[in-house]
Amino acid sequence: MLRTDRLLLTPYTPADEEEFVALFQDVSVSRWMGDGPSTEAEDRALFGRIFTRVYAGHRFEVWAVRAGGELVGHAEIKPTEASGGYEIIYALAPAAWGRGLGTELALALVGHGFDTLGLPEVHATVAAENAASLAVLGRIGFEHVWDIQEDDGSTTRLLTCTRASGADARAARARTARAAQVSRGAGKPSRG
């Protein structure tokens, strides 16, 4: 289990199947995942494999992402051939977009890679057209390493975050967030 200020990452339970399938069936989400949108049957089979292969075989970590008790996303950190190391993978439902949850989630995954798994670097692969994810990862210290030309002609960017670049970006982001809170008066104690 991982926890951030607003997110809770827990292993999936069988009761999460419908929300998992709904997330992966949303084309605005699945267009950026793996090979793109899948059939409902394929997504249900994928959900089943999380239990029968991933969890049962202790292969890597996969979490349901919750905010306020609602399932709002999916997250993984796992070894991949494309990166030659550990890669973070995450997706959020459109209702969770635009609130900084993607950054919060990516930071949690990177922190888990460094602090819990002891990795020297963490990778991500992102479609070259996915400007939002590229921007999120750039803000937290990921740097473009190379491009992968896919069989369908599209380009996937391989990004890497080292302990040093990630720490620098996280520290700068924390300073910016504190300054913004103070300028809005959020740094004052509440009366509640």
C-alpha atoms as a PDB file:
ATOM      1  CA  MET A   1       0.000   0.000   0.000  1.00  0.00           C
ATOM      2  CA  LEU A   2       1.146   3.528  -0.802  1.00  0.00           C
ATOM      3  CA  ARG A   3      -0.385   6.732   0.506  1.00  0.00           C
ATOM      4  CA  THR A   4      -0.042  10.355  -0.586  1.00  0.00           C
ATOM      5  CA  ASP A   5      -1.878  13.452   0.638  1.00  0.00           C
ATOM      6  CA  ARG A   6      -4.888  12.657  -1.564  1.00  0.00           C
ATOM      7  CA  LEU A   7      -4.362   9.165  -2.953  1.00  0.00           C
ATOM      8  CA  LEU A   8      -4.360   5.643  -1.588  1.00  0.00           C
ATOM      9  CA  LEU A   9      -2.784   2.875  -3.681  1.00  0.00           C
ATOM     10  CA  THR A  10      -3.882  -0.607  -2.673  1.00  0.00           C
ATOM     11  CA  PRO A  11      -3.832  -4.014  -4.308  1.00  0.00           C
ATOM     12  CA  TYR A  12      -6.934  -4.648  -6.370  1.00  0.00           C
ATOM     13  CA  THR A  13      -9.719  -6.783  -4.952  1.00  0.00           C
ATOM     14  CA  PRO A  14     -12.186  -8.811  -7.058  1.00  0.00           C
ATOM     15  CA  ALA A  15     -14.832  -6.183  -6.227  1.00  0.00           C
ATOM     16  CA  ASP A  16     -12.843  -3.628  -8.282  1.00  0.00           C
ATOM     17  CA  GLU A  17     -13.442  -5.396 -11.604  1.00  0.00           C
ATOM     18  CA  GLU A  18     -16.250  -3.175 -12.922  1.00  0.00           C
ATOM     19  CA  GLU A  19     -14.386   0.057 -12.128  1.00  0.00           C
ATOM     20  CA  PHE A  20     -11.160  -1.352 -13.610  1.00  0.00           C
ATOM     21  CA  VAL A  21     -12.953  -2.312 -16.822  1.00  0.00           C
ATOM     22  CA  ALA A  22     -14.690   1.080 -16.982  1.00  0.00           C
ATOM     23  CA  LEU A  23     -11.315   2.850 -16.642  1.00  0.00           C
ATOM     24  CA  PHE A  24      -9.663   0.756 -19.343  1.00  0.00           C
ATOM     25  CA  GLN A  25     -12.704   0.961 -21.634  1.00  0.00           C
ATOM     26  CA  ASP A  26     -12.618   4.772 -21.547  1.00  0.00           C
ATOM     27  CA  VAL A  27     -10.946   5.576 -24.867  1.00  0.00           C
ATOM     28  CA  SER A  28      -9.556   8.875 -23.561  1.00  0.00           C
ATOM     29  CA  VAL A  29      -7.556   6.749 -21.069  1.00  0.00           C
ATOM     30  CA  SER A  30      -6.847   3.557 -23.015  1.00  0.00           C
ATOM     31  CA  ARG A  31      -5.585   5.357 -26.114  1.00  0.00           C
ATOM     32  CA  TRP A  32      -2.382   6.006 -24.146  1.00  0.00           C
ATOM     33  CA  MET A  33      -2.093   2.521 -22.600  1.00  0.00           C
ATOM     34  CA  GLY A  34      -0.068  -0.262 -24.198  1.00  0.00           C
ATOM     35  CA  ASP A  35      -1.354  -0.927 -27.690  1.00  0.00           C
ATOM     36  CA  GLY A  36      -4.407   1.293 -27.223  1.00  0.00           C
ATOM     37  CA  PRO A  37      -8.054   0.398 -26.625  1.00  0.00           C
ATOM     38  CA  SER A  38      -8.968  -3.254 -26.073  1.00  0.00           C
ATOM     39  CA  THR A  39     -12.263  -5.076 -26.039  1.00  0.00           C
ATOM     40  CA  GLU A  40     -14.192  -5.394 -22.794  1.00  0.00           C
ATOM     41  CA  ALA A  41     -13.441  -9.132 -22.761  1.00  0.00           C
ATOM     42  CA  GLU A  42      -9.697  -8.423 -23.092  1.00  0.00           C
ATOM     43  CA  ASP A  43      -9.817  -5.920 -20.215  1.00  0.00           C
ATOM     44  CA  ARG A  44     -11.694  -8.405 -18.026  1.00  0.00           C
ATOM     45  CA  ALA A  45      -9.061 -11.043 -18.842  1.00  0.00           C
ATOM     46  CA  LEU A  46      -6.319  -8.515 -17.990  1.00  0.00           C
ATOM     47  CA  PHE A  47      -7.982  -7.864 -14.625  1.00  0.00           C
ATOM     48  CA  GLY A  48      -8.063 -11.616 -13.958  1.00  0.00           C
ATOM     49  CA  ARG A  49      -4.358 -11.951 -14.805  1.00  0.00           C
ATOM     50  CA  ILE A  50      -3.519  -9.371 -12.124  1.00  0.00           C
ATOM     51  CA  PHE A  51      -4.621 -12.001  -9.593  1.00  0.00           C
ATOM     52  CA  THR A  52      -3.594 -15.238 -11.325  1.00  0.00           C
ATOM     53  CA  ARG A  53      -0.202 -14.152 -12.648  1.00  0.00           C
ATOM     54  CA  VAL A  54       0.981 -10.899 -11.116  1.00  0.00           C
ATOM     55  CA  TYR A  55      -0.137 -11.201  -7.498  1.00  0.00           C
ATOM     56  CA  ALA A  56       0.063 -15.016  -7.370  1.00  0.00           C
ATOM     57  CA  GLY A  57       3.575 -15.008  -8.826  1.00  0.00           C
ATOM     58  CA  HIS A  58       4.765 -11.911  -6.930  1.00  0.00           C
ATOM     59  CA  ARG A  59       5.920 -10.584 -10.298  1.00  0.00           C
ATOM     60  CA  PHE A  60       5.625  -6.824  -9.703  1.00  0.00           C
ATOM     61  CA  GLU A  61       3.427  -4.275  -7.993  1.00  0.00           C
ATOM     62  CA  VAL A  62       0.028  -3.250  -9.343  1.00  0.00           C
ATOM     63  CA  TRP A  63      -2.354  -0.973  -7.469  1.00  0.00           C
ATOM     64  CA  ALA A  64      -5.855   0.407  -7.600  1.00  0.00           C
ATOM     65  CA  VAL A  65      -5.598   4.181  -7.142  1.00  0.00           C
ATOM     66  CA  ARG A  66      -8.272   5.717  -4.909  1.00  0.00           C
ATOM     67  CA  ALA A  67      -9.153   9.309  -4.031  1.00  0.00           C
ATOM     68  CA  GLY A  68     -11.835   9.912  -1.436  1.00  0.00           C
ATOM     69  CA  GLY A  69     -12.660   6.203  -1.442  1.00  0.00           C
ATOM     70  CA  GLU A  70     -13.374   6.135  -5.205  1.00  0.00           C
ATOM     71  CA  LEU A  71     -11.275   4.152  -7.668  1.00  0.00           C
ATOM     72  CA  VAL A  72      -9.803   6.876  -9.912  1.00  0.00           C
ATOM     73  CA  GLY A  73      -6.864   5.116 -11.513  1.00  0.00           C
ATOM     74  CA  HIS A  74      -4.371   2.335 -12.010  1.00  0.00           C
ATOM     75  CA  ALA A  75      -0.640   2.179 -11.208  1.00  0.00           C
ATOM     76  CA  GLU A  76       2.267  -0.225 -11.646  1.00  0.00           C
ATOM     77  CA  ILE A  77       6.027  -0.363 -11.288  1.00  0.00           C
ATOM     78  CA  LYS A  78       7.663  -3.249 -13.081  1.00  0.00           C
ATOM     79  CA  PRO A  79      10.742  -4.359 -14.997  1.00  0.00           C
ATOM     80  CA  THR A  80      10.385  -3.933 -18.773  1.00  0.00           C
ATOM     81  CA  GLU A  81      12.499  -4.767 -21.788  1.00  0.00           C
ATOM     82  CA  ALA A  82      11.871  -1.391 -23.395  1.00  0.00           C
ATOM     83  CA  SER A  83      13.476   0.456 -20.504  1.00  0.00           C
ATOM     84  CA  GLY A  84      16.075  -2.091 -19.443  1.00  0.00           C
ATOM     85  CA  GLY A  85      14.991  -1.374 -15.857  1.00  0.00           C
ATOM     86  CA  TYR A  86      11.886  -0.598 -13.838  1.00  0.00           C
ATOM     87  CA  GLU A  87       9.114   1.407 -15.445  1.00  0.00           C
ATOM     88  CA  ILE A  88       6.248   3.287 -13.860  1.00  0.00           C
ATOM     89  CA  ILE A  89       2.856   2.948 -15.513  1.00  0.00           C
ATOM     90  CA  TYR A  90      -0.201   4.873 -14.429  1.00  0.00           C
ATOM     91  CA  ALA A  91      -3.585   6.035 -15.659  1.00  0.00           C
ATOM     92  CA  LEU A  92      -6.242   8.272 -14.164  1.00  0.00           C
ATOM     93  CA  ALA A  93      -9.922   8.542 -15.019  1.00  0.00           C
ATOM     94  CA  PRO A  94     -10.803  11.824 -16.790  1.00  0.00           C
ATOM     95  CA  ALA A  95     -12.759  12.990 -13.723  1.00  0.00           C
ATOM     96  CA  ALA A  96      -9.420  13.018 -11.851  1.00  0.00           C
ATOM     97  CA  TRP A  97      -7.548  15.057 -14.473  1.00  0.00           C
ATOM     98  CA  GLY A  98      -6.505  18.659 -13.961  1.00  0.00           C
ATOM     99  CA  ARG A  99      -6.128  18.537 -10.180  1.00  0.00           C
ATOM    100  CA  GLY A 100      -2.461  17.574  -9.878  1.00  0.00           C
ATOM    101  CA  LEU A 101      -3.253  13.935  -9.068  1.00  0.00           C
ATOM    102  CA  GLY A 102      -1.126  12.671 -11.967  1.00  0.00           C
ATOM    103  CA  THR A 103       1.916  14.448 -10.548  1.00  0.00           C
ATOM    104  CA  GLU A 104       1.126  13.193  -7.047  1.00  0.00           C
ATOM    105  CA  LEU A 105       0.738   9.638  -8.336  1.00  0.00           C
ATOM    106  CA  ALA A 106       3.915   9.713 -10.430  1.00  0.00           C
ATOM    107  CA  LEU A 107       5.890  11.099  -7.469  1.00  0.00           C
ATOM    108  CA  ALA A 108       4.585   8.274  -5.267  1.00  0.00           C
ATOM    109  CA  LEU A 109       5.621   5.647  -7.800  1.00  0.00           C
ATOM    110  CA  VAL A 110       9.075   7.154  -8.267  1.00  0.00           C
ATOM    111  CA  GLY A 111       9.522   7.435  -4.504  1.00  0.00           C
ATOM    112  CA  HIS A 112       8.539   3.783  -4.110  1.00  0.00           C
ATOM    113  CA  GLY A 113      11.080   2.818  -6.760  1.00  0.00           C
ATOM    114  CA  PHE A 114      13.878   4.713  -5.051  1.00  0.00           C
ATOM    115  CA  ASP A 115      13.018   4.262  -1.386  1.00  0.00           C
ATOM    116  CA  THR A 116      11.400   0.812  -1.227  1.00  0.00           C
ATOM    117  CA  LEU A 117      12.895  -1.009  -4.205  1.00  0.00           C
ATOM    118  CA  GLY A 118      16.294   0.722  -3.943  1.00  0.00           C
ATOM    119  CA  LEU A 119      16.454   1.528  -7.651  1.00  0.00           C
ATOM    120  CA  PRO A 120      19.104   3.953  -8.959  1.00  0.00           C
ATOM    121  CA  GLU A 121      16.734   5.149 -11.685  1.00  0.00           C
ATOM    122  CA  VAL A 122      13.132   4.779 -12.770  1.00  0.00           C
ATOM    123  CA  HIS A 123      11.821   4.840 -16.350  1.00  0.00           C
ATOM    124  CA  ALA A 124       8.604   5.668 -18.157  1.00  0.00           C
ATOM    125  CA  THR A 125       7.493   5.171 -21.740  1.00  0.00           C
ATOM    126  CA  VAL A 126       5.054   7.719 -23.115  1.00  0.00           C
ATOM    127  CA  ALA A 127       3.501   8.237 -26.535  1.00  0.00           C
ATOM    128  CA  ALA A 128       5.194  11.239 -28.157  1.00  0.00           C
ATOM    129  CA  GLU A 129       1.759  12.832 -28.670  1.00  0.00           C
ATOM    130  CA  ASN A 130       0.832  12.567 -24.970  1.00  0.00           C
ATOM    131  CA  ALA A 131       1.870  16.116 -24.052  1.00  0.00           C
ATOM    132  CA  ALA A 132       0.152  16.062 -20.650  1.00  0.00           C
ATOM    133  CA  SER A 133       2.055  12.994 -19.394  1.00  0.00           C
ATOM    134  CA  LEU A 134       5.333  14.226 -20.851  1.00  0.00           C
ATOM    135  CA  ALA A 135       4.849  17.537 -19.012  1.00  0.00           C
ATOM    136  CA  VAL A 136       4.026  15.815 -15.694  1.00  0.00           C
ATOM    137  CA  LEU A 137       7.078  13.587 -15.891  1.00  0.00           C
ATOM    138  CA  GLY A 138       9.335  16.456 -16.963  1.00  0.00           C
ATOM    139  CA  ARG A 139       8.263  18.492 -13.917  1.00  0.00           C
ATOM    140  CA  ILE A 140       9.295  15.712 -11.538  1.00  0.00           C
ATOM    141  CA  GLY A 141      12.733  15.099 -13.002  1.00  0.00           C
ATOM    142  CA  PHE A 142      12.318  12.691 -15.924  1.00  0.00           C
ATOM    143  CA  GLU A 143      14.530  13.330 -18.936  1.00  0.00           C
ATOM    144  CA  HIS A 144      14.085  12.123 -22.512  1.00  0.00           C
ATOM    145  CA  VAL A 145      16.585   9.358 -23.298  1.00  0.00           C
ATOM    146  CA  TRP A 146      15.557   8.061 -26.708  1.00  0.00           C
ATOM    147  CA  ASP A 147      12.644   7.389 -29.019  1.00  0.00           C
ATOM    148  CA  ILE A 148      11.200   3.992 -29.855  1.00  0.00           C
ATOM    149  CA  GLN A 149       9.646   3.624 -33.301  1.00  0.00           C
ATOM    150  CA  GLU A 150       6.589   1.417 -32.961  1.00  0.00           C
ATOM    151  CA  ASP A 151       5.386  -1.064 -35.609  1.00  0.00           C
ATOM    152  CA  ASP A 152       2.379   1.148 -36.371  1.00  0.00           C
ATOM    153  CA  GLY A 153       4.667   4.112 -37.172  1.00  0.00           C
ATOM    154  CA  SER A 154       4.036   5.971 -33.904  1.00  0.00           C
ATOM    155  CA  THR A 155       6.794   7.135 -31.589  1.00  0.00           C
ATOM    156  CA  THR A 156       7.156   6.293 -27.907  1.00  0.00           C
ATOM    157  CA  ARG A 157       9.496   8.340 -25.735  1.00  0.00           C
ATOM    158  CA  LEU A 158      11.660   6.589 -23.154  1.00  0.00           C
ATOM    159  CA  LEU A 159      12.204   8.844 -20.152  1.00  0.00           C
ATOM    160  CA  THR A 160      14.452   8.281 -17.143  1.00  0.00           C
ATOM    161  CA  CYS A 161      14.507   9.797 -13.672  1.00  0.00           C
ATOM    162  CA  THR A 162      17.647   9.334 -11.605  1.00  0.00           C
ATOM    163  CA  ARG A 163      17.748   9.744  -7.859  1.00  0.00           C
ATOM    164  CA  ALA A 164      19.546  13.084  -8.291  1.00  0.00           C
ATOM    165  CA  SER A 165      17.320  14.559 -11.008  1.00  0.00           C
ATOM    166  CA  GLY A 166      14.196  13.380  -9.214  1.00  0.00           C
ATOM    167  CA  ALA A 167      15.310  14.830  -5.880  1.00  0.00           C
ATOM    168  CA  ASP A 168      16.145  18.203  -7.485  1.00  0.00           C
ATOM    169  CA  ALA A 169      12.769  18.383  -9.247  1.00  0.00           C
ATOM    170  CA  ARG A 170      10.829  17.322  -6.137  1.00  0.00           C
ATOM    171  CA  ALA A 171      12.622  19.914  -3.995  1.00  0.00           C
ATOM    172  CA  ALA A 172      11.927  22.687  -6.518  1.00  0.00           C
ATOM    173  CA  ARG A 173       8.279  21.635  -6.756  1.00  0.00           C
ATOM    174  CA  ALA A 174       7.928  21.633  -2.959  1.00  0.00           C
ATOM    175  CA  ARG A 175       9.414  25.156  -2.747  1.00  0.00           C
ATOM    176  CA  THR A 176       7.014  26.372  -5.458  1.00  0.00           C
ATOM    177  CA  ALA A 177       4.014  24.774  -3.722  1.00  0.00           C
ATOM    178  CA  ARG A 178       4.944  26.342  -0.366  1.00  0.00           C
ATOM    179  CA  ALA A 179       5.387  29.765  -1.973  1.00  0.00           C
ATOM    180  CA  ALA A 180       1.993  29.464  -3.677  1.00  0.00           C
ATOM    181  CA  GLN A 181       0.312  28.506  -0.392  1.00  0.00           C
ATOM    182  CA  VAL A 182       1.834  31.470   1.407  1.00  0.00           C
ATOM    183  CA  SER A 183       0.857  33.908  -1.366  1.00  0.00           C
ATOM    184  CA  ARG A 184      -2.748  32.630  -1.182  1.00  0.00           C
ATOM    185  CA  GLY A 185      -2.771  32.854   2.585  1.00  0.00           C
ATOM    186  CA  ALA A 186      -2.886  29.080   2.894  1.00  0.00           C
ATOM    187  CA  GLY A 187       0.158  29.183   5.141  1.00  0.00           C
ATOM    188  CA  LYS A 188      -1.922  30.711   7.960  1.00  0.00           C
ATOM    189  CA  PRO A 189      -3.329  28.416  10.640  1.00  0.00           C
ATOM    190  CA  SER A 190      -6.987  27.554  10.240  1.00  0.00           C
ATOM    191  CA  ARG A 191      -9.627  28.152  12.872  1.00  0.00           C
ATOM    192  CA  GLY A 192     -11.352  24.842  12.274  1.00  0.00           C
END
